[in-house]
Structures are given as structure tokens and as C-alpha cells.
Amino acid sequence: MPHRQPLVSTLALDRYYLGLWGCIVKIVIEDVSEAFARQLVELAATNGLVVAVEPESLQWTAGRAESLLRDIPDAALEIIRVTVDGNGWGDASNLRGEDGASLKGRTGAITKAIKRGVKTGRLPEGLPTPVIASYDPNNPSYQRTAGFTMPEELLPAFRDAFKRI
């Protein structure tokens, strides 16, 4: 399979030639190859459209989230699922089970999967980790995580990704 570099492009199409009083239409294209984006820009230009391409975004999209979810083991997947289902809070007690099992190392799989995604070109470099372990700030010594948080703006992308897998 050929290497596919994701590209997020915003194309602003100036439609003066249609007599629409110079309105601007923005079309967002996500997770397409650079070659496809280039062809689309050329097609627009041959039709007299003014096109502006913005650089790749460092935000989680449903496609990127799906790529991550398909590349992590079940234990790490469950952390993200519980956090998304909890609207950005994944209580550790829901993840440990009745036996109180340790969650140590489970988020490491998420970090490694993001690094693999960057290396293979499926994810852009600099993408933030979607879940972060939360601890009691009043306890400076070793402690078990109380749970996991996910920024609110990431929830829609991960909800959509869970529907896809």
C-alpha cells in the first residue's frame, strides 16, 4: 500500500464568476493524500477559482481518532471508551473492576500508538494525547490515578470514531 500523508486543507473558493457578489465558500477536506489535494487545487484554478490551502491541523478528527482506536490494545481502548462515555471523565473505579487491578502502563500503549501513527504518516506530529491521568493534587506521594480526563473539544471526534469501529 502506498504511503499516504494526511493533509487537512481548507480551500476558500472565490466565486465572482458566478455573479454571487463575491461570496466566499469554505470547503474543509480532511485526511486526503497530498496528491489528491494538489489535483483539487489545480481543478479549481482551471475554473477561475482562487484557492487558499491552510496547513495541516493538529486537532483530533474522527478519522485520526479511528486510526488510533484501531491500533491500541483492549485495555487502552477501554480507558478512552469510559472517558468518552463519561463526557470527558473516566473514573478509575470503572476501569479497575472489582479486584482493584492496577492501571499502570495502560496509557503507555496510547502514547506508543500515536508515535507509530506519526511514523507511518497516519497521524501528524504534535497531536496531543487524548486522555490524561488525573491524580489528587493534595497528595504529593505515590498514588493510584483517580481517573482520566479528555478535553471537551475532543469528545465529538472520539464519539464518531467509536461509531466507526
C-alpha atoms as a PDB file:
ATOM      1  CA  MET A   1       0.000   0.000   0.000  1.00  0.00           C
ATOM      2  CA  PRO A   2       1.455   3.405  -0.931  1.00  0.00           C
ATOM      3  CA  HIS A   3       2.450   5.815   1.814  1.00  0.00           C
ATOM      4  CA  ARG A   4      -0.404   8.285   2.414  1.00  0.00           C
ATOM      5  CA  GLN A   5       0.460  11.549   4.102  1.00  0.00           C
ATOM      6  CA  PRO A   6      -2.693  13.016   5.676  1.00  0.00           C
ATOM      7  CA  LEU A   7      -3.411  16.611   4.786  1.00  0.00           C
ATOM      8  CA  VAL A   8      -6.100  18.867   6.170  1.00  0.00           C
ATOM      9  CA  SER A   9      -6.893  21.591   3.708  1.00  0.00           C
ATOM     10  CA  THR A  10      -9.248  24.495   3.840  1.00  0.00           C
ATOM     11  CA  LEU A  11      -9.991  25.745   0.368  1.00  0.00           C
ATOM     12  CA  ALA A  12     -11.537  29.190   0.062  1.00  0.00           C
ATOM     13  CA  LEU A  13     -13.205  29.395  -3.316  1.00  0.00           C
ATOM     14  CA  ASP A  14     -13.887  32.889  -4.633  1.00  0.00           C
ATOM     15  CA  ARG A  15     -16.970  32.616  -6.862  1.00  0.00           C
ATOM     16  CA  TYR A  16     -17.041  36.026  -8.623  1.00  0.00           C
ATOM     17  CA  TYR A  17     -17.537  34.393 -11.998  1.00  0.00           C
ATOM     18  CA  LEU A  18     -20.930  33.042 -10.891  1.00  0.00           C
ATOM     19  CA  GLY A  19     -22.177  36.543 -10.157  1.00  0.00           C
ATOM     20  CA  LEU A  20     -22.780  35.825  -6.492  1.00  0.00           C
ATOM     21  CA  TRP A  21     -21.380  39.187  -5.327  1.00  0.00           C
ATOM     22  CA  GLY A  22     -18.004  37.769  -4.454  1.00  0.00           C
ATOM     23  CA  CYS A  23     -19.128  35.316  -1.806  1.00  0.00           C
ATOM     24  CA  ILE A  24     -16.532  33.001  -0.292  1.00  0.00           C
ATOM     25  CA  VAL A  25     -17.229  29.321   0.162  1.00  0.00           C
ATOM     26  CA  LYS A  26     -15.044  27.297   2.524  1.00  0.00           C
ATOM     27  CA  ILE A  27     -14.676  23.589   1.969  1.00  0.00           C
ATOM     28  CA  VAL A  28     -12.763  21.513   4.512  1.00  0.00           C
ATOM     29  CA  ILE A  29     -11.125  18.356   3.254  1.00  0.00           C
ATOM     30  CA  GLU A  30      -9.563  16.035   5.814  1.00  0.00           C
ATOM     31  CA  ASP A  31      -7.296  13.010   5.636  1.00  0.00           C
ATOM     32  CA  VAL A  32      -6.584  13.039   1.902  1.00  0.00           C
ATOM     33  CA  SER A  33      -3.306  12.493   0.162  1.00  0.00           C
ATOM     34  CA  GLU A  34      -1.192  15.464  -0.827  1.00  0.00           C
ATOM     35  CA  ALA A  35      -1.506  14.406  -4.485  1.00  0.00           C
ATOM     36  CA  PHE A  36      -5.319  14.483  -4.300  1.00  0.00           C
ATOM     37  CA  ALA A  37      -5.305  17.903  -2.633  1.00  0.00           C
ATOM     38  CA  ARG A  38      -2.937  19.208  -5.330  1.00  0.00           C
ATOM     39  CA  GLN A  39      -5.243  17.901  -8.098  1.00  0.00           C
ATOM     40  CA  LEU A  40      -8.239  19.543  -6.460  1.00  0.00           C
ATOM     41  CA  VAL A  41      -6.415  22.878  -6.233  1.00  0.00           C
ATOM     42  CA  GLU A  42      -5.434  22.607  -9.918  1.00  0.00           C
ATOM     43  CA  LEU A  43      -9.027  21.785 -10.925  1.00  0.00           C
ATOM     44  CA  ALA A  44     -10.339  24.791  -9.020  1.00  0.00           C
ATOM     45  CA  ALA A  45      -7.711  27.045 -10.606  1.00  0.00           C
ATOM     46  CA  THR A  46      -8.636  25.900 -14.148  1.00  0.00           C
ATOM     47  CA  ASN A  47     -12.194  27.016 -13.421  1.00  0.00           C
ATOM     48  CA  GLY A  48     -11.120  30.516 -12.388  1.00  0.00           C
ATOM     49  CA  LEU A  49     -11.399  29.967  -8.665  1.00  0.00           C
ATOM     50  CA  VAL A  50      -8.988  31.499  -6.173  1.00  0.00           C
ATOM     51  CA  VAL A  51      -7.853  28.794  -3.753  1.00  0.00           C
ATOM     52  CA  ALA A  52      -6.069  29.074  -0.410  1.00  0.00           C
ATOM     53  CA  VAL A  53      -4.718  25.957   1.284  1.00  0.00           C
ATOM     54  CA  GLU A  54      -4.115  26.015   5.031  1.00  0.00           C
ATOM     55  CA  PRO A  55      -1.514  23.774   6.672  1.00  0.00           C
ATOM     56  CA  GLU A  56      -2.393  20.554   8.390  1.00  0.00           C
ATOM     57  CA  SER A  57      -4.274  20.975  11.651  1.00  0.00           C
ATOM     58  CA  LEU A  58      -3.047  19.456  14.904  1.00  0.00           C
ATOM     59  CA  GLN A  59      -6.562  18.601  16.051  1.00  0.00           C
ATOM     60  CA  TRP A  60      -8.126  15.206  16.503  1.00  0.00           C
ATOM     61  CA  THR A  61     -10.586  14.352  13.731  1.00  0.00           C
ATOM     62  CA  ALA A  62     -12.888  11.329  13.655  1.00  0.00           C
ATOM     63  CA  GLY A  63     -10.569   9.720  11.084  1.00  0.00           C
ATOM     64  CA  ARG A  64      -7.487  10.236  13.210  1.00  0.00           C
ATOM     65  CA  ALA A  65      -9.266   9.027  16.340  1.00  0.00           C
ATOM     66  CA  GLU A  66     -10.447   5.915  14.493  1.00  0.00           C
ATOM     67  CA  SER A  67      -6.888   5.228  13.356  1.00  0.00           C
ATOM     68  CA  LEU A  68      -5.698   5.426  16.972  1.00  0.00           C
ATOM     69  CA  LEU A  69      -8.541   3.290  18.351  1.00  0.00           C
ATOM     70  CA  ARG A  70      -7.823   0.527  15.828  1.00  0.00           C
ATOM     71  CA  ASP A  71      -4.151   0.490  16.868  1.00  0.00           C
ATOM     72  CA  ILE A  72      -4.396   0.149  20.665  1.00  0.00           C
ATOM     73  CA  PRO A  73      -4.976  -2.918  22.865  1.00  0.00           C
ATOM     74  CA  ASP A  74      -8.324  -3.519  24.578  1.00  0.00           C
ATOM     75  CA  ALA A  75      -7.202  -2.186  27.988  1.00  0.00           C
ATOM     76  CA  ALA A  76      -6.167   1.174  26.498  1.00  0.00           C
ATOM     77  CA  LEU A  77      -9.270   1.242  24.292  1.00  0.00           C
ATOM     78  CA  GLU A  78     -11.425   0.820  27.390  1.00  0.00           C
ATOM     79  CA  ILE A  79      -9.781   3.834  29.069  1.00  0.00           C
ATOM     80  CA  ILE A  80     -10.729   6.021  26.126  1.00  0.00           C
ATOM     81  CA  ARG A  81     -14.215   4.489  25.829  1.00  0.00           C
ATOM     82  CA  VAL A  82     -15.036   5.027  29.522  1.00  0.00           C
ATOM     83  CA  THR A  83     -13.692   8.588  29.363  1.00  0.00           C
ATOM     84  CA  VAL A  84     -15.740   9.429  26.259  1.00  0.00           C
ATOM     85  CA  ASP A  85     -18.864   7.797  27.731  1.00  0.00           C
ATOM     86  CA  GLY A  86     -18.294   9.859  30.891  1.00  0.00           C
ATOM     87  CA  ASN A  87     -18.276  13.124  28.874  1.00  0.00           C
ATOM     88  CA  GLY A  88     -14.569  13.682  29.443  1.00  0.00           C
ATOM     89  CA  TRP A  89     -14.161  11.900  32.794  1.00  0.00           C
ATOM     90  CA  GLY A  90     -13.267   8.223  33.079  1.00  0.00           C
ATOM     91  CA  ASP A  91     -13.466   7.143  36.698  1.00  0.00           C
ATOM     92  CA  ALA A  92     -10.677   4.708  37.537  1.00  0.00           C
ATOM     93  CA  SER A  93     -13.021   2.555  39.640  1.00  0.00           C
ATOM     94  CA  ASN A  94     -14.964   1.761  36.452  1.00  0.00           C
ATOM     95  CA  LEU A  95     -11.739   0.591  34.827  1.00  0.00           C
ATOM     96  CA  ARG A  96     -10.158  -1.368  37.672  1.00  0.00           C
ATOM     97  CA  GLY A  97     -13.037  -3.730  38.210  1.00  0.00           C
ATOM     98  CA  GLU A  98     -13.950  -5.478  41.438  1.00  0.00           C
ATOM     99  CA  ASP A  99     -10.435  -6.789  42.003  1.00  0.00           C
ATOM    100  CA  GLY A 100      -8.968  -3.245  42.054  1.00  0.00           C
ATOM    101  CA  ALA A 101      -6.422  -4.073  39.353  1.00  0.00           C
ATOM    102  CA  SER A 102      -3.670  -1.588  38.634  1.00  0.00           C
ATOM    103  CA  LEU A 103      -4.000   0.693  35.620  1.00  0.00           C
ATOM    104  CA  LYS A 104      -0.259   1.232  35.487  1.00  0.00           C
ATOM    105  CA  GLY A 105       1.136   1.195  31.961  1.00  0.00           C
ATOM    106  CA  ARG A 106      -2.192   1.133  30.146  1.00  0.00           C
ATOM    107  CA  THR A 107      -1.894   4.673  28.809  1.00  0.00           C
ATOM    108  CA  GLY A 108       1.603   3.914  27.557  1.00  0.00           C
ATOM    109  CA  ALA A 109       0.002   1.916  24.760  1.00  0.00           C
ATOM    110  CA  ILE A 110      -1.857   5.052  23.647  1.00  0.00           C
ATOM    111  CA  THR A 111       1.361   7.089  23.540  1.00  0.00           C
ATOM    112  CA  LYS A 112       3.136   4.337  21.583  1.00  0.00           C
ATOM    113  CA  ALA A 113       0.251   4.059  19.104  1.00  0.00           C
ATOM    114  CA  ILE A 114       0.365   7.822  18.477  1.00  0.00           C
ATOM    115  CA  LYS A 115       4.125   7.579  17.828  1.00  0.00           C
ATOM    116  CA  ARG A 116       3.525   4.681  15.389  1.00  0.00           C
ATOM    117  CA  GLY A 117       0.836   6.740  13.647  1.00  0.00           C
ATOM    118  CA  VAL A 118       3.244   9.645  13.226  1.00  0.00           C
ATOM    119  CA  LYS A 119       5.980   7.344  11.941  1.00  0.00           C
ATOM    120  CA  THR A 120       3.673   5.780   9.334  1.00  0.00           C
ATOM    121  CA  GLY A 121       2.128   9.102   8.302  1.00  0.00           C
ATOM    122  CA  ARG A 122      -1.382   8.329   9.600  1.00  0.00           C
ATOM    123  CA  LEU A 123      -1.169  10.996  12.330  1.00  0.00           C
ATOM    124  CA  PRO A 124       0.531  14.395  12.313  1.00  0.00           C
ATOM    125  CA  GLU A 125       3.422  15.058  14.655  1.00  0.00           C
ATOM    126  CA  GLY A 126       2.470  17.141  17.689  1.00  0.00           C
ATOM    127  CA  LEU A 127      -1.054  15.759  18.115  1.00  0.00           C
ATOM    128  CA  PRO A 128      -1.983  15.946  21.828  1.00  0.00           C
ATOM    129  CA  THR A 129      -2.590  12.801  23.878  1.00  0.00           C
ATOM    130  CA  PRO A 130      -6.379  12.355  24.054  1.00  0.00           C
ATOM    131  CA  VAL A 131      -6.569  11.180  27.690  1.00  0.00           C
ATOM    132  CA  ILE A 132      -4.587  12.311  30.719  1.00  0.00           C
ATOM    133  CA  ALA A 133      -4.378  10.547  34.070  1.00  0.00           C
ATOM    134  CA  SER A 134      -5.751  12.595  36.943  1.00  0.00           C
ATOM    135  CA  TYR A 135      -4.349  12.494  40.481  1.00  0.00           C
ATOM    136  CA  ASP A 136      -5.205  14.108  43.807  1.00  0.00           C
ATOM    137  CA  PRO A 137      -3.194  17.361  43.847  1.00  0.00           C
ATOM    138  CA  ASN A 138      -3.236  17.388  47.664  1.00  0.00           C
ATOM    139  CA  ASN A 139      -1.350  14.100  47.873  1.00  0.00           C
ATOM    140  CA  PRO A 140       2.314  14.630  46.874  1.00  0.00           C
ATOM    141  CA  SER A 141       3.307  10.981  47.352  1.00  0.00           C
ATOM    142  CA  TYR A 142       2.758   7.958  45.125  1.00  0.00           C
ATOM    143  CA  GLN A 143      -0.901   7.316  44.435  1.00  0.00           C
ATOM    144  CA  ARG A 144      -3.169   5.488  42.059  1.00  0.00           C
ATOM    145  CA  THR A 145      -4.915   7.528  39.417  1.00  0.00           C
ATOM    146  CA  ALA A 146      -8.393   8.733  40.299  1.00  0.00           C
ATOM    147  CA  GLY A 147      -9.383   8.633  36.649  1.00  0.00           C
ATOM    148  CA  PHE A 148      -8.761  10.053  33.217  1.00  0.00           C
ATOM    149  CA  THR A 149      -9.751  13.290  31.542  1.00  0.00           C
ATOM    150  CA  MET A 150     -10.316  14.171  27.909  1.00  0.00           C
ATOM    151  CA  PRO A 151     -10.653  17.791  26.744  1.00  0.00           C
ATOM    152  CA  GLU A 152     -14.232  18.597  25.793  1.00  0.00           C
ATOM    153  CA  GLU A 153     -13.289  19.610  22.238  1.00  0.00           C
ATOM    154  CA  LEU A 154     -12.015  16.059  21.530  1.00  0.00           C
ATOM    155  CA  LEU A 155     -15.209  14.283  22.558  1.00  0.00           C
ATOM    156  CA  PRO A 156     -17.107  14.652  19.230  1.00  0.00           C
ATOM    157  CA  ALA A 157     -14.217  13.206  17.195  1.00  0.00           C
ATOM    158  CA  PHE A 158     -13.835  10.207  19.504  1.00  0.00           C
ATOM    159  CA  ARG A 159     -17.596   9.619  19.731  1.00  0.00           C
ATOM    160  CA  ASP A 160     -17.731   9.473  15.937  1.00  0.00           C
ATOM    161  CA  ALA A 161     -14.680   7.198  15.847  1.00  0.00           C
ATOM    162  CA  PHE A 162     -16.287   4.713  18.252  1.00  0.00           C
ATOM    163  CA  LYS A 163     -19.319   4.527  15.921  1.00  0.00           C
ATOM    164  CA  ARG A 164     -16.954   3.557  13.083  1.00  0.00           C
ATOM    165  CA  ILE A 165     -15.127   0.709  14.791  1.00  0.00           C
END
